[in-house]
PDB file of all heavy atoms in Angstrom:
ATOM      1  N   LEU A   1     -95.853 -10.142  17.689  1.00  0.00           N
ATOM      2  CA  LEU A   1     -96.327 -11.016  18.744  1.00  0.00           C
ATOM      3  C   LEU A   1     -97.158 -10.210  19.724  1.00  0.00           C
ATOM      4  O   LEU A   1     -96.742  -9.138  20.167  1.00  0.00           O
ATOM      5  CB  LEU A   1     -95.147 -11.659  19.488  1.00  0.00           C
ATOM      6  CG  LEU A   1     -94.159 -12.453  18.636  1.00  0.00           C
ATOM      7  CD1 LEU A   1     -92.965 -12.887  19.485  1.00  0.00           C
ATOM      8  CD2 LEU A   1     -94.833 -13.665  18.011  1.00  0.00           C
ATOM      9  N   VAL A   2     -98.318 -10.732  20.067  1.00  0.00           N
ATOM     10  CA  VAL A   2     -99.228 -10.052  20.969  1.00  0.00           C
ATOM     11  C   VAL A   2     -99.705 -11.032  22.022  1.00  0.00           C
ATOM     12  O   VAL A   2    -100.332 -12.050  21.704  1.00  0.00           O
ATOM     13  CB  VAL A   2    -100.429  -9.445  20.230  1.00  0.00           C
ATOM     14  CG1 VAL A   2    -101.355  -8.747  21.227  1.00  0.00           C
ATOM     15  CG2 VAL A   2     -99.966  -8.457  19.171  1.00  0.00           C
ATOM     16  N   GLU A   3     -99.436 -10.710  23.283  1.00  0.00           N
ATOM     17  CA  GLU A   3     -99.866 -11.548  24.385  1.00  0.00           C
ATOM     18  C   GLU A   3    -101.288 -11.194  24.800  1.00  0.00           C
ATOM     19  O   GLU A   3    -101.726 -10.049  24.659  1.00  0.00           O
ATOM     20  CB  GLU A   3     -98.940 -11.388  25.596  1.00  0.00           C
ATOM     21  CG  GLU A   3     -97.479 -11.714  25.331  1.00  0.00           C
ATOM     22  CD  GLU A   3     -96.656 -10.502  24.963  1.00  0.00           C
ATOM     23  OE1 GLU A   3     -97.249  -9.474  24.570  1.00  0.00           O
ATOM     24  OE2 GLU A   3     -95.416 -10.571  25.077  1.00  0.00           O
ATOM     25  N   SER A   4    -101.970 -12.165  25.357  1.00  0.00           N
ATOM     26  CA  SER A   4    -103.300 -11.942  25.900  1.00  0.00           C
ATOM     27  C   SER A   4    -103.556 -12.951  27.008  1.00  0.00           C
ATOM     28  O   SER A   4    -102.870 -13.967  27.114  1.00  0.00           O
ATOM     29  CB  SER A   4    -104.380 -12.049  24.824  1.00  0.00           C
ATOM     30  OG  SER A   4    -104.419 -13.350  24.261  1.00  0.00           O
ATOM     31  N   GLY A   5    -104.553 -12.654  27.832  1.00  0.00           N
ATOM     32  CA  GLY A   5    -104.973 -13.588  28.856  1.00  0.00           C
ATOM     33  C   GLY A   5    -104.462 -13.311  30.253  1.00  0.00           C
ATOM     34  O   GLY A   5    -104.795 -14.041  31.183  1.00  0.00           O
ATOM     35  N   GLY A   6    -103.661 -12.282  30.421  1.00  0.00           N
ATOM     36  CA  GLY A   6    -103.132 -11.977  31.730  1.00  0.00           C
ATOM     37  C   GLY A   6    -104.150 -11.278  32.607  1.00  0.00           C
ATOM     38  O   GLY A   6    -105.297 -11.058  32.229  1.00  0.00           O
ATOM     39  N   GLY A   7    -103.704 -10.946  33.782  1.00  0.00           N
ATOM     40  CA  GLY A   7    -104.561 -10.258  34.727  1.00  0.00           C
ATOM     41  C   GLY A   7    -104.280 -10.693  36.141  1.00  0.00           C
ATOM     42  O   GLY A   7    -103.177 -11.111  36.479  1.00  0.00           O
ATOM     43  N   LEU A   8    -105.303 -10.591  36.961  1.00  0.00           N
ATOM     44  CA  LEU A   8    -105.202 -10.934  38.372  1.00  0.00           C
ATOM     45  C   LEU A   8    -105.662 -12.366  38.588  1.00  0.00           C
ATOM     46  O   LEU A   8    -106.725 -12.769  38.105  1.00  0.00           O
ATOM     47  CB  LEU A   8    -106.041  -9.979  39.215  1.00  0.00           C
ATOM     48  CG  LEU A   8    -106.064 -10.219  40.720  1.00  0.00           C
ATOM     49  CD1 LEU A   8    -104.681  -9.997  41.314  1.00  0.00           C
ATOM     50  CD2 LEU A   8    -107.085  -9.302  41.376  1.00  0.00           C
ATOM     51  N   VAL A   9    -104.868 -13.118  39.309  1.00  0.00           N
ATOM     52  CA  VAL A   9    -105.206 -14.500  39.616  1.00  0.00           C
ATOM     53  C   VAL A   9    -104.898 -14.765  41.079  1.00  0.00           C
ATOM     54  O   VAL A   9    -103.949 -14.216  41.641  1.00  0.00           O
ATOM     55  CB  VAL A   9    -104.444 -15.479  38.697  1.00  0.00           C
ATOM     56  CG1 VAL A   9    -102.941 -15.347  38.891  1.00  0.00           C
ATOM     57  CG2 VAL A   9    -104.894 -16.908  38.940  1.00  0.00           C
ATOM     58  N   GLN A  10    -105.698 -15.595  41.687  1.00  0.00           N
ATOM     59  CA  GLN A  10    -105.482 -15.963  43.075  1.00  0.00           C
ATOM     60  C   GLN A  10    -104.415 -17.043  43.172  1.00  0.00           C
ATOM     61  O   GLN A  10    -104.323 -17.932  42.330  1.00  0.00           O
ATOM     62  CB  GLN A  10    -106.789 -16.458  43.696  1.00  0.00           C
ATOM     63  CG  GLN A  10    -106.695 -16.791  45.177  1.00  0.00           C
ATOM     64  CD  GLN A  10    -108.029 -17.228  45.749  1.00  0.00           C
ATOM     65  OE1 GLN A  10    -109.080 -16.988  45.154  1.00  0.00           O
ATOM     66  NE2 GLN A  10    -108.001 -17.867  46.906  1.00  0.00           N
ATOM     67  N   ALA A  11    -103.598 -16.949  44.202  1.00  0.00           N
ATOM     68  CA  ALA A  11    -102.599 -17.980  44.436  1.00  0.00           C
ATOM     69  C   ALA A  11    -103.257 -19.347  44.515  1.00  0.00           C
ATOM     70  O   ALA A  11    -104.295 -19.518  45.155  1.00  0.00           O
ATOM     71  CB  ALA A  11    -101.823 -17.687  45.714  1.00  0.00           C
ATOM     72  N   GLY A  12    -102.653 -20.306  43.845  1.00  0.00           N
ATOM     73  CA  GLY A  12    -103.203 -21.641  43.818  1.00  0.00           C
ATOM     74  C   GLY A  12    -104.189 -21.881  42.691  1.00  0.00           C
ATOM     75  O   GLY A  12    -104.629 -23.026  42.495  1.00  0.00           O
ATOM     76  N   GLY A  13    -104.542 -20.838  41.975  1.00  0.00           N
ATOM     77  CA  GLY A  13    -105.451 -20.966  40.854  1.00  0.00           C
ATOM     78  C   GLY A  13    -104.704 -21.283  39.578  1.00  0.00           C
ATOM     79  O   GLY A  13    -103.709 -22.006  39.568  1.00  0.00           O
ATOM     80  N   SER A  14    -105.189 -20.726  38.492  1.00  0.00           N
ATOM     81  CA  SER A  14    -104.542 -20.947  37.213  1.00  0.00           C
ATOM     82  C   SER A  14    -104.812 -19.777  36.292  1.00  0.00           C
ATOM     83  O   SER A  14    -105.797 -19.054  36.445  1.00  0.00           O
ATOM     84  CB  SER A  14    -105.019 -22.250  36.559  1.00  0.00           C
ATOM     85  OG  SER A  14    -106.399 -22.186  36.247  1.00  0.00           O
ATOM     86  N   VAL A  15    -103.936 -19.605  35.351  1.00  0.00           N
ATOM     87  CA  VAL A  15    -104.093 -18.574  34.351  1.00  0.00           C
ATOM     88  C   VAL A  15    -103.446 -19.062  33.066  1.00  0.00           C
ATOM     89  O   VAL A  15    -102.424 -19.754  33.098  1.00  0.00           O
ATOM     90  CB  VAL A  15    -103.473 -17.233  34.813  1.00  0.00           C
ATOM     91  CG1 VAL A  15    -101.981 -17.384  35.080  1.00  0.00           C
ATOM     92  CG2 VAL A  15    -103.736 -16.131  33.805  1.00  0.00           C
ATOM     93  N   SER A  16    -104.057 -18.726  31.951  1.00  0.00           N
ATOM     94  CA  SER A  16    -103.552 -19.131  30.648  1.00  0.00           C
ATOM     95  C   SER A  16    -103.218 -17.900  29.831  1.00  0.00           C
ATOM     96  O   SER A  16    -104.045 -17.005  29.675  1.00  0.00           O
ATOM     97  CB  SER A  16    -104.587 -19.982  29.906  1.00  0.00           C
ATOM     98  OG  SER A  16    -104.851 -21.187  30.589  1.00  0.00           O
ATOM     99  N   LEU A  17    -102.018 -17.869  29.322  1.00  0.00           N
ATOM    100  CA  LEU A  17    -101.580 -16.802  28.442  1.00  0.00           C
ATOM    101  C   LEU A  17    -101.484 -17.311  27.020  1.00  0.00           C
ATOM    102  O   LEU A  17    -101.086 -18.455  26.783  1.00  0.00           O
ATOM    103  CB  LEU A  17    -100.216 -16.262  28.873  1.00  0.00           C
ATOM    104  CG  LEU A  17    -100.080 -15.750  30.305  1.00  0.00           C
ATOM    105  CD1 LEU A  17     -98.678 -15.200  30.527  1.00  0.00           C
ATOM    106  CD2 LEU A  17    -101.135 -14.691  30.603  1.00  0.00           C
ATOM    107  N   SER A  18    -101.836 -16.462  26.094  1.00  0.00           N
ATOM    108  CA  SER A  18    -101.706 -16.768  24.687  1.00  0.00           C
ATOM    109  C   SER A  18    -100.817 -15.726  24.031  1.00  0.00           C
ATOM    110  O   SER A  18    -100.737 -14.587  24.482  1.00  0.00           O
ATOM    111  CB  SER A  18    -103.069 -16.784  23.991  1.00  0.00           C
ATOM    112  OG  SER A  18    -103.914 -17.775  24.531  1.00  0.00           O
ATOM    113  N   CYS A  19    -100.174 -16.134  22.978  1.00  0.00           N
ATOM    114  CA  CYS A  19     -99.342 -15.233  22.198  1.00  0.00           C
ATOM    115  C   CYS A  19     -99.623 -15.503  20.735  1.00  0.00           C
ATOM    116  O   CYS A  19     -99.275 -16.567  20.214  1.00  0.00           O
ATOM    117  CB  CYS A  19     -97.864 -15.445  22.527  1.00  0.00           C
ATOM    118  SG  CYS A  19     -96.737 -14.449  21.528  1.00  0.00           S
ATOM    119  N   ALA A  20    -100.255 -14.552  20.088  1.00  0.00           N
ATOM    120  CA  ALA A  20    -100.609 -14.683  18.684  1.00  0.00           C
ATOM    121  C   ALA A  20     -99.564 -14.006  17.814  1.00  0.00           C
ATOM    122  O   ALA A  20     -99.158 -12.874  18.079  1.00  0.00           O
ATOM    123  CB  ALA A  20    -101.985 -14.076  18.424  1.00  0.00           C
ATOM    124  N   ALA A  21     -99.149 -14.697  16.783  1.00  0.00           N
ATOM    125  CA  ALA A  21     -98.153 -14.175  15.861  1.00  0.00           C
ATOM    126  C   ALA A  21     -98.807 -13.781  14.553  1.00  0.00           C
ATOM    127  O   ALA A  21     -99.769 -14.400  14.095  1.00  0.00           O
ATOM    128  CB  ALA A  21     -97.062 -15.210  15.606  1.00  0.00           C
ATOM    129  N   SER A  22     -98.269 -12.757  13.951  1.00  0.00           N
ATOM    130  CA  SER A  22     -98.725 -12.322  12.641  1.00  0.00           C
ATOM    131  C   SER A  22     -97.532 -11.836  11.836  1.00  0.00           C
ATOM    132  O   SER A  22     -96.483 -11.512  12.391  1.00  0.00           O
ATOM    133  CB  SER A  22     -99.782 -11.218  12.753  1.00  0.00           C
ATOM    134  OG  SER A  22     -99.261 -10.072  13.411  1.00  0.00           O
ATOM    135  N   GLY A  23     -97.708 -11.785  10.553  1.00  0.00           N
ATOM    136  CA  GLY A  23     -96.631 -11.353   9.674  1.00  0.00           C
ATOM    137  C   GLY A  23     -95.855 -12.506   9.072  1.00  0.00           C
ATOM    138  O   GLY A  23     -95.485 -12.458   7.896  1.00  0.00           O
ATOM    139  N   ARG A  24     -95.597 -13.510   9.872  1.00  0.00           N
ATOM    140  CA  ARG A  24     -94.945 -14.724   9.423  1.00  0.00           C
ATOM    141  C   ARG A  24     -95.508 -15.908  10.184  1.00  0.00           C
ATOM    142  O   ARG A  24     -96.062 -15.741  11.274  1.00  0.00           O
ATOM    143  CB  ARG A  24     -93.425 -14.652   9.602  1.00  0.00           C
ATOM    144  CG  ARG A  24     -92.735 -13.672   8.682  1.00  0.00           C
ATOM    145  CD  ARG A  24     -91.228 -13.775   8.800  1.00  0.00           C
ATOM    146  NE  ARG A  24     -90.553 -12.865   7.896  1.00  0.00           N
ATOM    147  CZ  ARG A  24     -89.243 -12.748   7.792  1.00  0.00           C
ATOM    148  NH1 ARG A  24     -88.445 -13.486   8.553  1.00  0.00           N
ATOM    149  NH2 ARG A  24     -88.712 -11.888   6.938  1.00  0.00           N
ATOM    150  N   THR A  25     -95.340 -17.067   9.630  1.00  0.00           N
ATOM    151  CA  THR A  25     -95.842 -18.262  10.288  1.00  0.00           C
ATOM    152  C   THR A  25     -94.982 -18.579  11.498  1.00  0.00           C
ATOM    153  O   THR A  25     -93.749 -18.552  11.441  1.00  0.00           O
ATOM    154  CB  THR A  25     -95.869 -19.449   9.330  1.00  0.00           C
ATOM    155  OG1 THR A  25     -94.554 -19.671   8.803  1.00  0.00           O
ATOM    156  CG2 THR A  25     -96.820 -19.175   8.177  1.00  0.00           C
ATOM    157  N   LEU A  26     -95.642 -18.900  12.584  1.00  0.00           N
ATOM    158  CA  LEU A  26     -94.938 -19.182  13.816  1.00  0.00           C
ATOM    159  C   LEU A  26     -94.104 -20.451  13.726  1.00  0.00           C
ATOM    160  O   LEU A  26     -93.124 -20.606  14.458  1.00  0.00           O
ATOM    161  CB  LEU A  26     -95.931 -19.278  14.974  1.00  0.00           C
ATOM    162  CG  LEU A  26     -95.367 -19.250  16.390  1.00  0.00           C
ATOM    163  CD1 LEU A  26     -94.631 -17.940  16.655  1.00  0.00           C
ATOM    164  CD2 LEU A  26     -96.483 -19.460  17.402  1.00  0.00           C
ATOM    165  N   SER A  27     -94.474 -21.338  12.823  1.00  0.00           N
ATOM    166  CA  SER A  27     -93.751 -22.595  12.681  1.00  0.00           C
ATOM    167  C   SER A  27     -92.309 -22.404  12.232  1.00  0.00           C
ATOM    168  O   SER A  27     -91.516 -23.341  12.310  1.00  0.00           O
ATOM    169  CB  SER A  27     -94.476 -23.521  11.703  1.00  0.00           C
ATOM    170  OG  SER A  27     -94.551 -22.943  10.411  1.00  0.00           O
ATOM    171  N   SER A  28     -91.970 -21.218  11.781  1.00  0.00           N
ATOM    172  CA  SER A  28     -90.602 -20.942  11.363  1.00  0.00           C
ATOM    173  C   SER A  28     -89.647 -20.773  12.538  1.00  0.00           C
ATOM    174  O   SER A  28     -88.436 -20.739  12.331  1.00  0.00           O
ATOM    175  CB  SER A  28     -90.562 -19.675  10.504  1.00  0.00           C
ATOM    176  OG  SER A  28     -91.326 -19.826   9.322  1.00  0.00           O
ATOM    177  N   TYR A  29     -90.184 -20.667  13.747  1.00  0.00           N
ATOM    178  CA  TYR A  29     -89.374 -20.238  14.875  1.00  0.00           C
ATOM    179  C   TYR A  29     -89.501 -21.132  16.096  1.00  0.00           C
ATOM    180  O   TYR A  29     -90.579 -21.661  16.398  1.00  0.00           O
ATOM    181  CB  TYR A  29     -89.778 -18.826  15.307  1.00  0.00           C
ATOM    182  CG  TYR A  29     -89.810 -17.813  14.196  1.00  0.00           C
ATOM    183  CD1 TYR A  29     -91.017 -17.350  13.689  1.00  0.00           C
ATOM    184  CD2 TYR A  29     -88.633 -17.314  13.674  1.00  0.00           C
ATOM    185  CE1 TYR A  29     -91.046 -16.410  12.677  1.00  0.00           C
ATOM    186  CE2 TYR A  29     -88.657 -16.375  12.656  1.00  0.00           C
ATOM    187  CZ  TYR A  29     -89.866 -15.926  12.170  1.00  0.00           C
ATOM    188  OH  TYR A  29     -89.897 -14.987  11.158  1.00  0.00           O
ATOM    189  N   ASN A  30     -88.396 -21.245  16.814  1.00  0.00           N
ATOM    190  CA  ASN A  30     -88.492 -21.602  18.224  1.00  0.00           C
ATOM    191  C   ASN A  30     -89.166 -20.433  18.947  1.00  0.00           C
ATOM    192  O   ASN A  30     -88.995 -19.271  18.569  1.00  0.00           O
ATOM    193  CB  ASN A  30     -87.109 -21.823  18.826  1.00  0.00           C
ATOM    194  CG  ASN A  30     -86.376 -22.978  18.199  1.00  0.00           C
ATOM    195  OD1 ASN A  30     -86.974 -23.937  17.710  1.00  0.00           O
ATOM    196  ND2 ASN A  30     -85.048 -22.907  18.229  1.00  0.00           N
ATOM    197  N   VAL A  31     -89.916 -20.731  19.976  1.00  0.00           N
ATOM    198  CA  VAL A  31     -90.599 -19.684  20.721  1.00  0.00           C
ATOM    199  C   VAL A  31     -90.353 -19.882  22.200  1.00  0.00           C
ATOM    200  O   VAL A  31     -90.111 -20.996  22.663  1.00  0.00           O
ATOM    201  CB  VAL A  31     -92.111 -19.649  20.428  1.00  0.00           C
ATOM    202  CG1 VAL A  31     -92.355 -19.309  18.966  1.00  0.00           C
ATOM    203  CG2 VAL A  31     -92.774 -20.982  20.768  1.00  0.00           C
ATOM    204  N   GLY A  32     -90.435 -18.783  22.934  1.00  0.00           N
ATOM    205  CA  GLY A  32     -90.186 -18.854  24.353  1.00  0.00           C
ATOM    206  C   GLY A  32     -91.043 -17.875  25.134  1.00  0.00           C
ATOM    207  O   GLY A  32     -91.633 -16.945  24.573  1.00  0.00           O
ATOM    208  N   TRP A  33     -91.105 -18.116  26.424  1.00  0.00           N
ATOM    209  CA  TRP A  33     -91.753 -17.216  27.362  1.00  0.00           C
ATOM    210  C   TRP A  33     -90.722 -16.719  28.359  1.00  0.00           C
ATOM    211  O   TRP A  33     -89.875 -17.486  28.840  1.00  0.00           O
ATOM    212  CB  TRP A  33     -92.890 -17.908  28.112  1.00  0.00           C
ATOM    213  CG  TRP A  33     -94.127 -18.102  27.294  1.00  0.00           C
ATOM    214  CD1 TRP A  33     -94.487 -19.210  26.590  1.00  0.00           C
ATOM    215  CD2 TRP A  33     -95.182 -17.153  27.104  1.00  0.00           C
ATOM    216  NE1 TRP A  33     -95.692 -19.010  25.973  1.00  0.00           N
ATOM    217  CE2 TRP A  33     -96.143 -17.756  26.272  1.00  0.00           C
ATOM    218  CE3 TRP A  33     -95.407 -15.848  27.558  1.00  0.00           C
ATOM    219  CZ2 TRP A  33     -97.320 -17.108  25.876  1.00  0.00           C
ATOM    220  CZ3 TRP A  33     -96.569 -15.195  27.166  1.00  0.00           C
ATOM    221  CH2 TRP A  33     -97.504 -15.822  26.344  1.00  0.00           C
ATOM    222  N   PHE A  34     -90.834 -15.456  28.679  1.00  0.00           N
ATOM    223  CA  PHE A  34     -89.940 -14.809  29.623  1.00  0.00           C
ATOM    224  C   PHE A  34     -90.771 -13.959  30.568  1.00  0.00           C
ATOM    225  O   PHE A  34     -91.938 -13.677  30.300  1.00  0.00           O
ATOM    226  CB  PHE A  34     -88.910 -13.944  28.886  1.00  0.00           C
ATOM    227  CG  PHE A  34     -88.053 -14.719  27.928  1.00  0.00           C
ATOM    228  CD1 PHE A  34     -88.520 -15.059  26.668  1.00  0.00           C
ATOM    229  CD2 PHE A  34     -86.781 -15.122  28.293  1.00  0.00           C
ATOM    230  CE1 PHE A  34     -87.743 -15.780  25.780  1.00  0.00           C
ATOM    231  CE2 PHE A  34     -85.982 -15.842  27.413  1.00  0.00           C
ATOM    232  CZ  PHE A  34     -86.464 -16.171  26.161  1.00  0.00           C
ATOM    233  N   ARG A  35     -90.167 -13.544  31.653  1.00  0.00           N
ATOM    234  CA  ARG A  35     -90.877 -12.678  32.567  1.00  0.00           C
ATOM    235  C   ARG A  35     -89.907 -11.710  33.218  1.00  0.00           C
ATOM    236  O   ARG A  35     -88.700 -11.961  33.298  1.00  0.00           O
ATOM    237  CB  ARG A  35     -91.620 -13.485  33.637  1.00  0.00           C
ATOM    238  CG  ARG A  35     -90.716 -14.161  34.665  1.00  0.00           C
ATOM    239  CD  ARG A  35     -91.536 -14.993  35.629  1.00  0.00           C
ATOM    240  NE  ARG A  35     -90.748 -15.493  36.739  1.00  0.00           N
ATOM    241  CZ  ARG A  35     -91.211 -16.296  37.683  1.00  0.00           C
ATOM    242  NH1 ARG A  35     -92.482 -16.697  37.656  1.00  0.00           N
ATOM    243  NH2 ARG A  35     -90.420 -16.709  38.665  1.00  0.00           N
ATOM    244  N   GLN A  36     -90.460 -10.604  33.684  1.00  0.00           N
ATOM    245  CA  GLN A  36     -89.672  -9.599  34.374  1.00  0.00           C
ATOM    246  C   GLN A  36     -90.487  -9.058  35.534  1.00  0.00           C
ATOM    247  O   GLN A  36     -91.528  -8.438  35.333  1.00  0.00           O
ATOM    248  CB  GLN A  36     -89.251  -8.474  33.434  1.00  0.00           C
ATOM    249  CG  GLN A  36     -88.271  -7.498  34.053  1.00  0.00           C
ATOM    250  CD  GLN A  36     -87.628  -6.600  33.017  1.00  0.00           C
ATOM    251  OE1 GLN A  36     -88.130  -6.427  31.917  1.00  0.00           O
ATOM    252  NE2 GLN A  36     -86.492  -6.018  33.371  1.00  0.00           N
TER     253      GLN A  36
END
C-alpha cells in the first residue's frame, strides 16, 4: 500500500489522499484510514 496526495493545506480547504494497492486485488479486503 502506497499513499499519495498529502502535503500542506490551508485550514478550511481540502485535500485528497489516495492509497494504491499492489500485489493483490484490493477488493479482497476491508480497508481503512488511520492517523498519528
